[in-house]
Amino acid sequence: MPRPVIDPTECSACGICVDACPNGVLEIVGDRSAIVDEDACTGCGSCLEECPMGAILDIEDE
């Protein structure tokens, strides 16, 4: 199943991806976004499209 890959060196913890995720998969943890419910991720790409920092890289197959 496709999953977002977050680059922690680029993430500014702005929360835009958290708001963009229709399934509540992402949260701000410490100083970056993190996938907190991998099973609920559908790989829709909303977080990838909305990230202004380009910190969410490709959606890759496992």
C-alpha atoms as a PDB file:
ATOM      1  CA  MET A   1       0.000   0.000   0.000  1.00  0.00           C
ATOM      2  CA  PRO A   2       1.330   3.475  -0.776  1.00  0.00           C
ATOM      3  CA  ARG A   3       2.489   5.588   2.152  1.00  0.00           C
ATOM      4  CA  PRO A   4       3.818   9.124   2.563  1.00  0.00           C
ATOM      5  CA  VAL A   5       7.470   9.513   3.486  1.00  0.00           C
ATOM      6  CA  ILE A   6       8.244  12.521   5.687  1.00  0.00           C
ATOM      7  CA  ASP A   7      11.723  14.040   5.500  1.00  0.00           C
ATOM      8  CA  PRO A   8      12.385  15.211   9.072  1.00  0.00           C
ATOM      9  CA  THR A   9      15.131  17.557   7.931  1.00  0.00           C
ATOM     10  CA  GLU A  10      12.669  19.526   5.782  1.00  0.00           C
ATOM     11  CA  CYS A  11       9.545  19.425   7.968  1.00  0.00           C
ATOM     12  CA  SER A  12       8.794  22.706   9.784  1.00  0.00           C
ATOM     13  CA  ALA A  13       5.917  21.271  11.858  1.00  0.00           C
ATOM     14  CA  CYS A  14       3.507  23.812  10.347  1.00  0.00           C
ATOM     15  CA  GLY A  15       0.596  21.367  10.577  1.00  0.00           C
ATOM     16  CA  ILE A  16      -0.735  21.939   7.066  1.00  0.00           C
ATOM     17  CA  CYS A  17      -0.392  18.244   6.221  1.00  0.00           C
ATOM     18  CA  VAL A  18      -2.188  17.324   9.443  1.00  0.00           C
ATOM     19  CA  ASP A  19      -5.130  19.499   8.421  1.00  0.00           C
ATOM     20  CA  ALA A  20      -5.042  18.158   4.846  1.00  0.00           C
ATOM     21  CA  CYS A  21      -5.235  14.489   5.803  1.00  0.00           C
ATOM     22  CA  PRO A  22      -8.837  13.277   5.479  1.00  0.00           C
ATOM     23  CA  ASN A  23      -8.141  10.244   7.687  1.00  0.00           C
ATOM     24  CA  GLY A  24      -6.373  11.845  10.658  1.00  0.00           C
ATOM     25  CA  VAL A  25      -3.215   9.865   9.991  1.00  0.00           C
ATOM     26  CA  LEU A  26      -0.743  12.672  10.717  1.00  0.00           C
ATOM     27  CA  GLU A  27       0.052  14.594  13.902  1.00  0.00           C
ATOM     28  CA  ILE A  28       2.747  16.988  15.008  1.00  0.00           C
ATOM     29  CA  VAL A  29       5.077  15.035  17.268  1.00  0.00           C
ATOM     30  CA  GLY A  30       7.875  17.075  18.773  1.00  0.00           C
ATOM     31  CA  ASP A  31       9.290  19.234  16.019  1.00  0.00           C
ATOM     32  CA  ARG A  32       7.887  17.482  12.936  1.00  0.00           C
ATOM     33  CA  SER A  33       4.910  15.761  11.402  1.00  0.00           C
ATOM     34  CA  ALA A  34       4.619  12.050  11.951  1.00  0.00           C
ATOM     35  CA  ILE A  35       2.396   9.268  10.714  1.00  0.00           C
ATOM     36  CA  VAL A  36       0.599   8.088  13.826  1.00  0.00           C
ATOM     37  CA  ASP A  37      -1.858   5.635  12.281  1.00  0.00           C
ATOM     38  CA  GLU A  38      -0.267   3.835   9.338  1.00  0.00           C
ATOM     39  CA  ASP A  39      -3.194   1.443   8.996  1.00  0.00           C
ATOM     40  CA  ALA A  40      -5.582   4.338   8.320  1.00  0.00           C
ATOM     41  CA  CYS A  41      -3.392   5.864   5.582  1.00  0.00           C
ATOM     42  CA  THR A  42      -4.968   5.364   2.172  1.00  0.00           C
ATOM     43  CA  GLY A  43      -2.092   6.912   0.211  1.00  0.00           C
ATOM     44  CA  CYS A  44      -4.379   9.611  -1.181  1.00  0.00           C
ATOM     45  CA  GLY A  45      -1.563  12.169  -1.501  1.00  0.00           C
ATOM     46  CA  SER A  46      -3.383  15.085   0.144  1.00  0.00           C
ATOM     47  CA  CYS A  47      -0.525  15.652   2.575  1.00  0.00           C
ATOM     48  CA  LEU A  48       2.045  15.511  -0.221  1.00  0.00           C
ATOM     49  CA  GLU A  49       0.157  18.062  -2.307  1.00  0.00           C
ATOM     50  CA  GLU A  50      -0.363  20.520   0.555  1.00  0.00           C
ATOM     51  CA  CYS A  51       3.087  20.487   2.200  1.00  0.00           C
ATOM     52  CA  PRO A  52       4.646  23.917   1.523  1.00  0.00           C
ATOM     53  CA  MET A  53       8.120  22.720   2.508  1.00  0.00           C
ATOM     54  CA  GLY A  54       8.197  19.714   0.186  1.00  0.00           C
ATOM     55  CA  ALA A  55       8.961  17.610   3.256  1.00  0.00           C
ATOM     56  CA  ILE A  56       6.615  14.825   2.292  1.00  0.00           C
ATOM     57  CA  LEU A  57       8.486  13.017  -0.393  1.00  0.00           C
ATOM     58  CA  ASP A  58       7.090  10.322  -2.598  1.00  0.00           C
ATOM     59  CA  ILE A  59       4.285   8.010  -1.841  1.00  0.00           C
ATOM     60  CA  GLU A  60       6.029   4.673  -2.060  1.00  0.00           C
ATOM     61  CA  ASP A  61       4.831   1.115  -2.193  1.00  0.00           C
ATOM     62  CA  GLU A  62       5.809  -1.028   0.740  1.00  0.00           C
END
